[in-house]
Amino acid sequence: ADRKHNMETLEFLSEERRKRIAEETLTLYAPLAQRVGMYELKSSLEDLSLKYLEPQVYEKLEKKMGETKVRTEEFLNKSLQKIESILSAHPISYRVSARPKNFHSVYRKMIRQNKPFEEIQDLAGIRLITDTVEHCYALLGIIQSNFQPVENSFTDYIALPKNNLYQSLHSTVRLSGDDIIEIQ
């Protein structure tokens, strides 16, 4: 919380100190927040770091994502309804949350895929949390049997956990037409 507050007041420091603190936040504090399950804090720290490390990129993303905010929120609500109506027919307990992707995540995807913002298809994500590994794979099976998976968009972080011990299944699916969303 102290680091987040510090990041929110960096504009009063010299550019050199802002960049040093933002880099430290991105490499140490954001991964630490993720490791302990504080995903909103992690996203906030990443976005604040991007704001000071790549200010032009941050401003462009802020503008473009602001332009699509209402559409993204409507899309998330519609997507949640579709997914929950399908999952409700199965006896697997889960919690669900939906969120637009944070700026830093979108930026990393643009770099990784070498695409401009306009070509990033999944600006939102849905997270399903369940109680066992078996249920996680079962939920994935239900999702992928009801929605068309996007080619080359599946990652199994259960079989191959990240270095920070993060475990999840990621799949991007086509809900209908051009509606694409990442499910974790």
N, C-alpha and C. Protein backbone atom coordinates (compact mmCIF):
# COMPACT_ATOMS: atom_id res chain seq x y z
N ALA A 1 0.83 -1.19 0.00
CA ALA A 1 0.00 0.00 0.00
C ALA A 1 0.88 1.25 0.00
N ASP A 2 1.99 1.19 0.77
CA ASP A 2 2.90 2.32 0.81
C ASP A 2 3.53 2.55 -0.56
N ARG A 3 3.90 1.47 -1.23
CA ARG A 3 4.51 1.61 -2.55
C ARG A 3 3.50 2.18 -3.54
N LYS A 4 2.26 1.74 -3.45
CA LYS A 4 1.22 2.27 -4.37
C LYS A 4 1.06 3.77 -4.12
N HIS A 5 1.00 4.17 -2.87
CA HIS A 5 0.89 5.60 -2.56
C HIS A 5 2.10 6.36 -3.11
N ASN A 6 3.29 5.81 -2.92
CA ASN A 6 4.50 6.45 -3.46
C ASN A 6 4.42 6.59 -4.97
N MET A 7 3.93 5.55 -5.64
CA MET A 7 3.82 5.59 -7.10
C MET A 7 2.81 6.64 -7.56
N GLU A 8 1.78 6.85 -6.76
CA GLU A 8 0.75 7.84 -7.11
C GLU A 8 1.23 9.27 -6.94
N THR A 9 2.36 9.46 -6.28
CA THR A 9 2.88 10.82 -6.05
C THR A 9 4.26 11.02 -6.67
N LEU A 10 4.64 10.20 -7.63
CA LEU A 10 5.97 10.30 -8.24
C LEU A 10 6.19 11.58 -9.04
N GLU A 11 5.12 12.22 -9.48
CA GLU A 11 5.30 13.40 -10.33
C GLU A 11 6.07 14.51 -9.63
N PHE A 12 6.21 14.44 -8.31
CA PHE A 12 6.92 15.48 -7.56
C PHE A 12 8.42 15.22 -7.47
N LEU A 13 8.86 14.07 -8.02
CA LEU A 13 10.29 13.72 -7.98
C LEU A 13 10.95 14.00 -9.32
N SER A 14 12.27 13.95 -9.33
CA SER A 14 13.00 14.13 -10.58
C SER A 14 12.72 12.94 -11.50
N GLU A 15 12.92 13.15 -12.78
CA GLU A 15 12.66 12.09 -13.76
C GLU A 15 13.52 10.85 -13.47
N GLU A 16 14.76 11.08 -13.10
CA GLU A 16 15.66 9.96 -12.79
C GLU A 16 15.12 9.11 -11.62
N ARG A 17 14.68 9.76 -10.58
CA ARG A 17 14.13 9.04 -9.41
C ARG A 17 12.81 8.35 -9.76
N ARG A 18 11.97 9.03 -10.56
CA ARG A 18 10.70 8.42 -10.98
C ARG A 18 10.95 7.12 -11.71
N LYS A 19 11.89 7.15 -12.65
CA LYS A 19 12.18 5.95 -13.45
C LYS A 19 12.78 4.84 -12.59
N ARG A 20 13.67 5.20 -11.69
CA ARG A 20 14.28 4.19 -10.82
C ARG A 20 13.24 3.52 -9.93
N ILE A 21 12.37 4.32 -9.36
CA ILE A 21 11.33 3.78 -8.47
C ILE A 21 10.31 2.97 -9.28
N ALA A 22 9.96 3.44 -10.47
CA ALA A 22 9.00 2.72 -11.31
C ALA A 22 9.57 1.37 -11.75
N GLU A 23 10.86 1.35 -12.09
CA GLU A 23 11.51 0.09 -12.50
C GLU A 23 11.54 -0.89 -11.32
N GLU A 24 11.89 -0.39 -10.16
CA GLU A 24 11.92 -1.24 -8.96
C GLU A 24 10.51 -1.78 -8.66
N THR A 25 9.51 -0.95 -8.82
CA THR A 25 8.13 -1.37 -8.58
C THR A 25 7.72 -2.46 -9.55
N LEU A 26 8.10 -2.29 -10.81
CA LEU A 26 7.74 -3.26 -11.84
C LEU A 26 8.45 -4.60 -11.65
N THR A 27 9.68 -4.56 -11.21
CA THR A 27 10.44 -5.81 -11.08
C THR A 27 10.32 -6.48 -9.72
N LEU A 28 9.96 -5.73 -8.68
CA LEU A 28 9.90 -6.32 -7.34
C LEU A 28 8.49 -6.32 -6.75
N TYR A 29 7.87 -5.15 -6.66
CA TYR A 29 6.61 -5.05 -5.93
C TYR A 29 5.41 -5.62 -6.69
N ALA A 30 5.32 -5.39 -8.00
CA ALA A 30 4.19 -5.95 -8.75
C ALA A 30 4.22 -7.48 -8.73
N PRO A 31 5.38 -8.12 -8.99
CA PRO A 31 5.41 -9.59 -8.89
C PRO A 31 5.11 -10.09 -7.48
N LEU A 32 5.55 -9.35 -6.47
CA LEU A 32 5.26 -9.73 -5.10
C LEU A 32 3.75 -9.68 -4.82
N ALA A 33 3.10 -8.64 -5.31
CA ALA A 33 1.64 -8.53 -5.14
C ALA A 33 0.94 -9.69 -5.83
N GLN A 34 1.42 -10.06 -7.02
CA GLN A 34 0.83 -11.20 -7.72
C GLN A 34 1.04 -12.49 -6.93
N ARG A 35 2.23 -12.65 -6.42
CA ARG A 35 2.57 -13.88 -5.69
C ARG A 35 1.67 -14.13 -4.49
N VAL A 36 1.24 -13.05 -3.83
CA VAL A 36 0.38 -13.21 -2.66
C VAL A 36 -1.11 -13.05 -3.02
N GLY A 37 -1.42 -13.02 -4.32
CA GLY A 37 -2.81 -13.01 -4.75
C GLY A 37 -3.49 -11.67 -4.76
N MET A 38 -2.72 -10.58 -4.75
CA MET A 38 -3.29 -9.23 -4.76
C MET A 38 -3.24 -8.69 -6.19
N TYR A 39 -4.14 -9.21 -7.04
CA TYR A 39 -4.08 -8.94 -8.47
C TYR A 39 -4.43 -7.51 -8.83
N GLU A 40 -5.38 -6.90 -8.11
CA GLU A 40 -5.71 -5.50 -8.39
C GLU A 40 -4.53 -4.59 -8.07
N LEU A 41 -3.86 -4.86 -6.96
CA LEU A 41 -2.68 -4.07 -6.59
C LEU A 41 -1.57 -4.27 -7.62
N LYS A 42 -1.37 -5.51 -8.04
CA LYS A 42 -0.36 -5.82 -9.06
C LYS A 42 -0.63 -5.01 -10.34
N SER A 43 -1.88 -5.03 -10.80
CA SER A 43 -2.24 -4.30 -12.02
C SER A 43 -2.02 -2.80 -11.85
N SER A 44 -2.41 -2.28 -10.72
CA SER A 44 -2.24 -0.86 -10.46
C SER A 44 -0.76 -0.47 -10.44
N LEU A 45 0.07 -1.28 -9.79
CA LEU A 45 1.51 -1.01 -9.75
C LEU A 45 2.13 -1.08 -11.14
N GLU A 46 1.70 -2.06 -11.93
CA GLU A 46 2.22 -2.18 -13.31
C GLU A 46 1.83 -0.96 -14.14
N ASP A 47 0.58 -0.55 -14.04
CA ASP A 47 0.13 0.60 -14.82
C ASP A 47 0.84 1.89 -14.40
N LEU A 48 1.00 2.08 -13.10
CA LEU A 48 1.71 3.27 -12.63
C LEU A 48 3.17 3.24 -13.07
N SER A 49 3.78 2.07 -13.08
CA SER A 49 5.16 1.95 -13.57
C SER A 49 5.24 2.31 -15.04
N LEU A 50 4.30 1.78 -15.83
CA LEU A 50 4.28 2.09 -17.27
C LEU A 50 4.13 3.60 -17.49
N LYS A 51 3.33 4.23 -16.67
CA LYS A 51 3.09 5.68 -16.79
C LYS A 51 4.40 6.46 -16.72
N TYR A 52 5.34 6.01 -15.89
CA TYR A 52 6.60 6.74 -15.72
C TYR A 52 7.74 6.19 -16.56
N LEU A 53 7.66 4.93 -16.95
CA LEU A 53 8.73 4.35 -17.77
C LEU A 53 8.49 4.59 -19.26
N GLU A 54 7.22 4.60 -19.67
CA GLU A 54 6.86 4.80 -21.08
C GLU A 54 5.67 5.76 -21.15
N PRO A 55 5.90 7.05 -20.80
CA PRO A 55 4.77 7.98 -20.69
C PRO A 55 3.95 8.16 -21.98
N GLN A 56 4.61 8.14 -23.14
CA GLN A 56 3.87 8.31 -24.39
C GLN A 56 2.98 7.09 -24.65
N VAL A 57 3.50 5.92 -24.39
CA VAL A 57 2.73 4.69 -24.56
C VAL A 57 1.53 4.70 -23.61
N TYR A 58 1.78 5.07 -22.37
CA TYR A 58 0.72 5.12 -21.37
C TYR A 58 -0.40 6.07 -21.80
N GLU A 59 -0.04 7.25 -22.26
CA GLU A 59 -1.04 8.24 -22.68
C GLU A 59 -1.87 7.73 -23.84
N LYS A 60 -1.22 7.09 -24.81
CA LYS A 60 -1.96 6.55 -25.97
C LYS A 60 -2.91 5.45 -25.53
N LEU A 61 -2.44 4.55 -24.66
CA LEU A 61 -3.31 3.47 -24.19
C LEU A 61 -4.46 4.01 -23.35
N GLU A 62 -4.17 5.01 -22.53
CA GLU A 62 -5.22 5.61 -21.71
C GLU A 62 -6.32 6.19 -22.60
N LYS A 63 -5.93 6.85 -23.65
CA LYS A 63 -6.91 7.44 -24.58
C LYS A 63 -7.69 6.35 -25.31
N LYS A 64 -6.97 5.38 -25.89
CA LYS A 64 -7.63 4.34 -26.69
C LYS A 64 -8.52 3.45 -25.84
N MET A 65 -8.05 3.08 -24.66
CA MET A 65 -8.87 2.22 -23.81
C MET A 65 -10.04 3.00 -23.21
N GLY A 66 -9.86 4.28 -23.01
CA GLY A 66 -10.96 5.12 -22.56
C GLY A 66 -12.07 5.19 -23.59
N GLU A 67 -11.67 5.23 -24.87
CA GLU A 67 -12.64 5.27 -25.96
C GLU A 67 -13.46 3.98 -26.04
N THR A 68 -12.89 2.87 -25.62
CA THR A 68 -13.57 1.58 -25.73
C THR A 68 -14.14 1.10 -24.39
N LYS A 69 -14.04 1.92 -23.34
CA LYS A 69 -14.43 1.48 -21.99
C LYS A 69 -15.88 1.01 -21.90
N VAL A 70 -16.81 1.80 -22.35
CA VAL A 70 -18.23 1.45 -22.24
C VAL A 70 -18.51 0.17 -23.03
N ARG A 71 -17.98 0.09 -24.23
CA ARG A 71 -18.17 -1.10 -25.07
C ARG A 71 -17.57 -2.33 -24.40
N THR A 72 -16.39 -2.17 -23.79
CA THR A 72 -15.74 -3.29 -23.11
C THR A 72 -16.56 -3.76 -21.92
N GLU A 73 -17.10 -2.83 -21.14
CA GLU A 73 -17.91 -3.21 -19.98
C GLU A 73 -19.18 -3.93 -20.40
N GLU A 74 -19.83 -3.45 -21.46
CA GLU A 74 -21.03 -4.12 -21.98
C GLU A 74 -20.67 -5.53 -22.46
N PHE A 75 -19.54 -5.64 -23.15
CA PHE A 75 -19.08 -6.93 -23.64
C PHE A 75 -18.82 -7.89 -22.49
N LEU A 76 -18.17 -7.40 -21.43
CA LEU A 76 -17.90 -8.25 -20.27
C LEU A 76 -19.19 -8.77 -19.64
N ASN A 77 -20.16 -7.89 -19.48
CA ASN A 77 -21.43 -8.31 -18.88
C ASN A 77 -22.13 -9.36 -19.74
N LYS A 78 -22.14 -9.14 -21.04
CA LYS A 78 -22.76 -10.10 -21.97
C LYS A 78 -22.01 -11.43 -21.93
N SER A 79 -20.69 -11.36 -21.89
CA SER A 79 -19.86 -12.57 -21.86
C SER A 79 -20.09 -13.36 -20.57
N LEU A 80 -20.14 -12.66 -19.45
CA LEU A 80 -20.40 -13.31 -18.16
C LEU A 80 -21.73 -14.04 -18.18
N GLN A 81 -22.75 -13.40 -18.71
CA GLN A 81 -24.07 -14.04 -18.78
C GLN A 81 -24.02 -15.32 -19.59
N LYS A 82 -23.37 -15.27 -20.76
CA LYS A 82 -23.26 -16.47 -21.60
C LYS A 82 -22.53 -17.60 -20.89
N ILE A 83 -21.40 -17.27 -20.30
CA ILE A 83 -20.57 -18.29 -19.65
C ILE A 83 -21.27 -18.86 -18.42
N GLU A 84 -21.85 -18.00 -17.61
CA GLU A 84 -22.51 -18.49 -16.40
C GLU A 84 -23.75 -19.33 -16.73
N SER A 85 -24.45 -19.00 -17.82
CA SER A 85 -25.62 -19.81 -18.18
C SER A 85 -25.19 -21.22 -18.58
N ILE A 86 -24.04 -21.35 -19.22
CA ILE A 86 -23.53 -22.67 -19.61
C ILE A 86 -22.99 -23.42 -18.39
N LEU A 87 -22.21 -22.73 -17.56
CA LEU A 87 -21.60 -23.40 -16.41
C LEU A 87 -22.62 -23.79 -15.34
N SER A 88 -23.73 -23.07 -15.27
CA SER A 88 -24.72 -23.38 -14.24
C SER A 88 -25.33 -24.77 -14.41
N ALA A 89 -25.21 -25.35 -15.58
CA ALA A 89 -25.75 -26.69 -15.82
C ALA A 89 -24.81 -27.79 -15.33
N HIS A 90 -23.68 -27.40 -14.77
CA HIS A 90 -22.69 -28.38 -14.32
C HIS A 90 -22.46 -28.24 -12.81
N PRO A 91 -22.26 -29.36 -12.12
CA PRO A 91 -22.13 -29.33 -10.66
C PRO A 91 -20.72 -29.02 -10.15
N ILE A 92 -20.10 -28.01 -10.72
CA ILE A 92 -18.75 -27.62 -10.30
C ILE A 92 -18.85 -26.26 -9.62
N SER A 93 -18.31 -26.16 -8.41
CA SER A 93 -18.34 -24.87 -7.73
C SER A 93 -17.20 -24.00 -8.26
N TYR A 94 -17.48 -22.73 -8.42
CA TYR A 94 -16.49 -21.78 -8.91
C TYR A 94 -16.91 -20.37 -8.53
N ARG A 95 -15.94 -19.48 -8.54
CA ARG A 95 -16.18 -18.03 -8.43
C ARG A 95 -15.75 -17.43 -9.76
N VAL A 96 -16.41 -16.38 -10.13
CA VAL A 96 -16.08 -15.75 -11.41
C VAL A 96 -15.87 -14.26 -11.20
N SER A 97 -14.92 -13.73 -11.94
CA SER A 97 -14.72 -12.28 -11.97
C SER A 97 -14.35 -11.89 -13.39
N ALA A 98 -14.68 -10.69 -13.73
CA ALA A 98 -14.38 -10.18 -15.08
C ALA A 98 -13.70 -8.83 -14.94
N ARG A 99 -12.83 -8.54 -15.88
CA ARG A 99 -12.10 -7.28 -15.80
C ARG A 99 -11.55 -6.90 -17.16
N PRO A 100 -11.49 -5.60 -17.44
CA PRO A 100 -10.73 -5.19 -18.61
C PRO A 100 -9.25 -5.38 -18.32
N LYS A 101 -8.46 -5.65 -19.32
CA LYS A 101 -7.02 -5.81 -19.10
C LYS A 101 -6.42 -4.46 -18.72
N ASN A 102 -5.39 -4.52 -17.89
CA ASN A 102 -4.73 -3.27 -17.51
C ASN A 102 -3.80 -2.81 -18.64
N PHE A 103 -3.40 -1.55 -18.59
CA PHE A 103 -2.59 -0.96 -19.66
C PHE A 103 -1.31 -1.76 -19.89
N HIS A 104 -0.64 -2.10 -18.79
CA HIS A 104 0.63 -2.80 -18.90
C HIS A 104 0.46 -4.14 -19.59
N SER A 105 -0.60 -4.86 -19.28
CA SER A 105 -0.87 -6.15 -19.89
C SER A 105 -1.12 -6.00 -21.39
N VAL A 106 -1.89 -4.99 -21.76
CA VAL A 106 -2.16 -4.74 -23.18
C VAL A 106 -0.85 -4.37 -23.89
N TYR A 107 -0.05 -3.53 -23.26
CA TYR A 107 1.22 -3.12 -23.85
C TYR A 107 2.14 -4.33 -24.06
N ARG A 108 2.25 -5.20 -23.04
CA ARG A 108 3.08 -6.40 -23.18
C ARG A 108 2.59 -7.27 -24.33
N LYS A 109 1.28 -7.39 -24.47
CA LYS A 109 0.72 -8.19 -25.56
C LYS A 109 1.03 -7.56 -26.91
N MET A 110 0.96 -6.22 -27.00
CA MET A 110 1.30 -5.54 -28.25
C MET A 110 2.75 -5.81 -28.63
N ILE A 111 3.65 -5.78 -27.65
CA ILE A 111 5.07 -6.03 -27.90
C ILE A 111 5.29 -7.50 -28.28
N ARG A 112 4.72 -8.40 -27.47
CA ARG A 112 4.91 -9.84 -27.69
C ARG A 112 4.39 -10.28 -29.06
N GLN A 113 3.23 -9.74 -29.47
CA GLN A 113 2.63 -10.14 -30.73
C GLN A 113 3.00 -9.21 -31.88
N ASN A 114 3.76 -8.15 -31.57
CA ASN A 114 4.16 -7.17 -32.57
C ASN A 114 2.95 -6.63 -33.34
N LYS A 115 1.94 -6.17 -32.57
CA LYS A 115 0.70 -5.68 -33.16
C LYS A 115 0.35 -4.32 -32.57
N PRO A 116 -0.32 -3.47 -33.36
CA PRO A 116 -0.82 -2.21 -32.79
C PRO A 116 -2.04 -2.48 -31.90
N PHE A 117 -2.42 -1.51 -31.11
CA PHE A 117 -3.55 -1.64 -30.20
C PHE A 117 -4.80 -2.15 -30.91
N GLU A 118 -5.06 -1.61 -32.10
CA GLU A 118 -6.29 -1.95 -32.82
C GLU A 118 -6.40 -3.43 -33.18
N GLU A 119 -5.27 -4.13 -33.20
CA GLU A 119 -5.29 -5.55 -33.55
C GLU A 119 -5.28 -6.48 -32.33
N ILE A 120 -5.25 -5.92 -31.15
CA ILE A 120 -5.34 -6.75 -29.94
C ILE A 120 -6.81 -7.09 -29.74
N GLN A 121 -7.10 -8.39 -29.77
CA GLN A 121 -8.50 -8.81 -29.78
C GLN A 121 -9.10 -8.97 -28.38
N ASP A 122 -8.31 -9.38 -27.42
CA ASP A 122 -8.89 -9.66 -26.11
C ASP A 122 -8.46 -8.60 -25.09
N LEU A 123 -9.25 -7.53 -25.04
CA LEU A 123 -8.97 -6.43 -24.12
C LEU A 123 -9.63 -6.65 -22.77
N ALA A 124 -10.25 -7.81 -22.62
CA ALA A 124 -10.93 -8.13 -21.37
C ALA A 124 -10.68 -9.59 -21.05
N GLY A 125 -10.86 -9.92 -19.79
CA GLY A 125 -10.65 -11.30 -19.38
C GLY A 125 -11.64 -11.72 -18.31
N ILE A 126 -11.88 -13.01 -18.27
CA ILE A 126 -12.74 -13.60 -17.24
C ILE A 126 -11.91 -14.60 -16.49
N ARG A 127 -12.00 -14.56 -15.18
CA ARG A 127 -11.25 -15.49 -14.32
C ARG A 127 -12.25 -16.37 -13.58
N LEU A 128 -12.07 -17.68 -13.72
CA LEU A 128 -12.87 -18.66 -12.99
C LEU A 128 -11.96 -19.29 -11.96
N ILE A 129 -12.37 -19.26 -10.71
CA ILE A 129 -11.57 -19.84 -9.62
C ILE A 129 -12.36 -21.00 -9.05
N THR A 130 -11.70 -22.14 -8.99
CA THR A 130 -12.36 -23.33 -8.47
C THR A 130 -11.46 -24.00 -7.44
N ASP A 131 -11.95 -25.09 -6.84
CA ASP A 131 -11.28 -25.65 -5.68
C ASP A 131 -10.28 -26.78 -5.95
N THR A 132 -10.29 -27.37 -7.14
CA THR A 132 -9.35 -28.46 -7.42
C THR A 132 -8.80 -28.33 -8.84
N VAL A 133 -7.68 -28.99 -9.05
CA VAL A 133 -7.08 -29.03 -10.39
C VAL A 133 -8.04 -29.72 -11.37
N GLU A 134 -8.68 -30.79 -10.92
CA GLU A 134 -9.62 -31.52 -11.77
C GLU A 134 -10.77 -30.62 -12.22
N HIS A 135 -11.28 -29.80 -11.30
CA HIS A 135 -12.36 -28.89 -11.65
C HIS A 135 -11.87 -27.81 -12.62
N CYS A 136 -10.65 -27.41 -12.48
CA CYS A 136 -10.08 -26.41 -13.38
C CYS A 136 -10.08 -26.94 -14.82
N TYR A 137 -9.57 -28.16 -14.99
CA TYR A 137 -9.57 -28.77 -16.33
C TYR A 137 -10.99 -29.03 -16.82
N ALA A 138 -11.90 -29.39 -15.92
CA ALA A 138 -13.28 -29.64 -16.31
C ALA A 138 -13.94 -28.35 -16.81
N LEU A 139 -13.71 -27.24 -16.10
CA LEU A 139 -14.25 -25.96 -16.54
C LEU A 139 -13.70 -25.58 -17.91
N LEU A 140 -12.42 -25.80 -18.12
CA LEU A 140 -11.82 -25.52 -19.42
C LEU A 140 -12.51 -26.34 -20.50
N GLY A 141 -12.73 -27.63 -20.23
CA GLY A 141 -13.40 -28.49 -21.20
C GLY A 141 -14.79 -27.99 -21.55
N ILE A 142 -15.53 -27.55 -20.54
CA ILE A 142 -16.88 -27.03 -20.78
C ILE A 142 -16.82 -25.77 -21.64
N ILE A 143 -15.92 -24.88 -21.29
CA ILE A 143 -15.77 -23.62 -22.06
C ILE A 143 -15.39 -23.93 -23.50
N GLN A 144 -14.37 -24.78 -23.70
CA GLN A 144 -13.89 -25.03 -25.06
C GLN A 144 -14.85 -25.89 -25.88
N SER A 145 -15.73 -26.63 -25.23
CA SER A 145 -16.71 -27.40 -26.01
C SER A 145 -17.92 -26.55 -26.39
N ASN A 146 -18.08 -25.40 -25.74
CA ASN A 146 -19.20 -24.52 -26.05
C ASN A 146 -18.82 -23.28 -26.86
N PHE A 147 -17.54 -22.93 -26.85
CA PHE A 147 -17.06 -21.77 -27.59
C PHE A 147 -15.82 -22.17 -28.38
N GLN A 148 -15.66 -21.60 -29.54
CA GLN A 148 -14.53 -21.95 -30.40
C GLN A 148 -13.23 -21.37 -29.85
N PRO A 149 -12.25 -22.23 -29.52
CA PRO A 149 -10.96 -21.71 -29.07
C PRO A 149 -10.24 -20.99 -30.21
N VAL A 150 -9.54 -19.93 -29.87
CA VAL A 150 -8.73 -19.21 -30.85
C VAL A 150 -7.41 -19.97 -30.99
N GLU A 151 -6.99 -20.20 -32.21
CA GLU A 151 -5.79 -20.98 -32.48
C GLU A 151 -4.57 -20.38 -31.77
N ASN A 152 -3.74 -21.26 -31.22
CA ASN A 152 -2.49 -20.89 -30.54
C ASN A 152 -2.71 -19.96 -29.34
N SER A 153 -3.82 -20.13 -28.64
CA SER A 153 -4.09 -19.22 -27.52
C SER A 153 -4.27 -19.96 -26.20
N PHE A 154 -3.86 -21.19 -26.12
CA PHE A 154 -4.01 -21.97 -24.89
C PHE A 154 -2.67 -22.10 -24.19
N THR A 155 -2.66 -21.84 -22.88
CA THR A 155 -1.46 -22.03 -22.08
C THR A 155 -1.84 -22.76 -20.81
N ASP A 156 -1.07 -23.80 -20.50
CA ASP A 156 -1.33 -24.61 -19.31
C ASP A 156 -0.26 -24.32 -18.26
N TYR A 157 -0.60 -23.41 -17.34
CA TYR A 157 0.32 -23.08 -16.25
C TYR A 157 0.12 -23.99 -15.05
N ILE A 158 -0.72 -25.01 -15.18
CA ILE A 158 -0.83 -26.02 -14.13
C ILE A 158 0.23 -27.09 -14.38
N ALA A 159 0.26 -27.59 -15.61
CA ALA A 159 1.27 -28.59 -15.95
C ALA A 159 2.68 -27.98 -15.92
N LEU A 160 2.78 -26.74 -16.34
CA LEU A 160 4.07 -26.02 -16.36
C LEU A 160 3.91 -24.69 -15.64
N PRO A 161 3.96 -24.66 -14.30
CA PRO A 161 3.76 -23.41 -13.55
C PRO A 161 4.82 -22.37 -13.90
N LYS A 162 4.44 -21.11 -13.75
CA LYS A 162 5.41 -20.03 -13.94
C LYS A 162 6.45 -20.09 -12.82
N ASN A 163 7.54 -19.39 -12.98
CA ASN A 163 8.61 -19.36 -11.96
C ASN A 163 8.10 -18.88 -10.61
N ASN A 164 7.07 -18.02 -10.63
CA ASN A 164 6.54 -17.49 -9.38
C ASN A 164 5.47 -18.42 -8.78
N LEU A 165 5.36 -19.64 -9.31
CA LEU A 165 4.43 -20.68 -8.86
C LEU A 165 2.98 -20.43 -9.25
N TYR A 166 2.73 -19.45 -10.10
CA TYR A 166 1.39 -19.18 -10.60
C TYR A 166 0.89 -20.40 -11.37
N GLN A 167 -0.34 -20.84 -11.07
CA GLN A 167 -0.92 -21.97 -11.76
C GLN A 167 -2.30 -21.60 -12.27
N SER A 168 -2.53 -21.81 -13.55
CA SER A 168 -3.80 -21.47 -14.16
C SER A 168 -3.83 -22.05 -15.56
N LEU A 169 -5.00 -22.09 -16.13
CA LEU A 169 -5.18 -22.43 -17.54
C LEU A 169 -5.66 -21.16 -18.23
N HIS A 170 -5.05 -20.81 -19.35
CA HIS A 170 -5.47 -19.64 -20.11
C HIS A 170 -5.92 -20.09 -21.48
N SER A 171 -7.08 -19.64 -21.89
CA SER A 171 -7.57 -19.96 -23.22
C SER A 171 -8.36 -18.77 -23.74
N THR A 172 -8.12 -18.39 -24.96
CA THR A 172 -8.90 -17.34 -25.59
C THR A 172 -9.92 -18.03 -26.48
N VAL A 173 -11.18 -17.61 -26.34
CA VAL A 173 -12.25 -18.25 -27.11
C VAL A 173 -13.08 -17.20 -27.83
N ARG A 174 -13.71 -17.67 -28.90
CA ARG A 174 -14.62 -16.84 -29.67
C ARG A 174 -16.03 -17.12 -29.15
N LEU A 175 -16.64 -16.11 -28.54
CA LEU A 175 -17.99 -16.29 -27.99
C LEU A 175 -19.02 -16.32 -29.11
N SER A 176 -18.83 -15.46 -30.10
CA SER A 176 -19.65 -15.42 -31.31
C SER A 176 -19.07 -14.35 -32.22
N GLY A 177 -19.17 -14.56 -33.50
CA GLY A 177 -18.67 -13.57 -34.46
C GLY A 177 -17.27 -13.11 -34.14
N ASP A 178 -17.12 -11.82 -33.91
CA ASP A 178 -15.81 -11.23 -33.59
C ASP A 178 -15.59 -11.08 -32.09
N ASP A 179 -16.52 -11.57 -31.28
CA ASP A 179 -16.39 -11.45 -29.82
C ASP A 179 -15.41 -12.47 -29.29
N ILE A 180 -14.25 -11.99 -28.87
CA ILE A 180 -13.17 -12.84 -28.37
C ILE A 180 -12.84 -12.42 -26.95
N ILE A 181 -12.61 -13.43 -26.08
CA ILE A 181 -12.28 -13.11 -24.69
C ILE A 181 -11.32 -14.15 -24.15
N GLU A 182 -10.44 -13.71 -23.27
CA GLU A 182 -9.52 -14.63 -22.59
C GLU A 182 -10.18 -15.14 -21.32
N ILE A 183 -10.14 -16.45 -21.14
CA ILE A 183 -10.66 -17.09 -19.93
C ILE A 183 -9.45 -17.65 -19.19
N GLN A 184 -9.35 -17.35 -17.90
CA GLN A 184 -8.29 -17.91 -17.07
C GLN A 184 -8.94 -18.79 -16.03
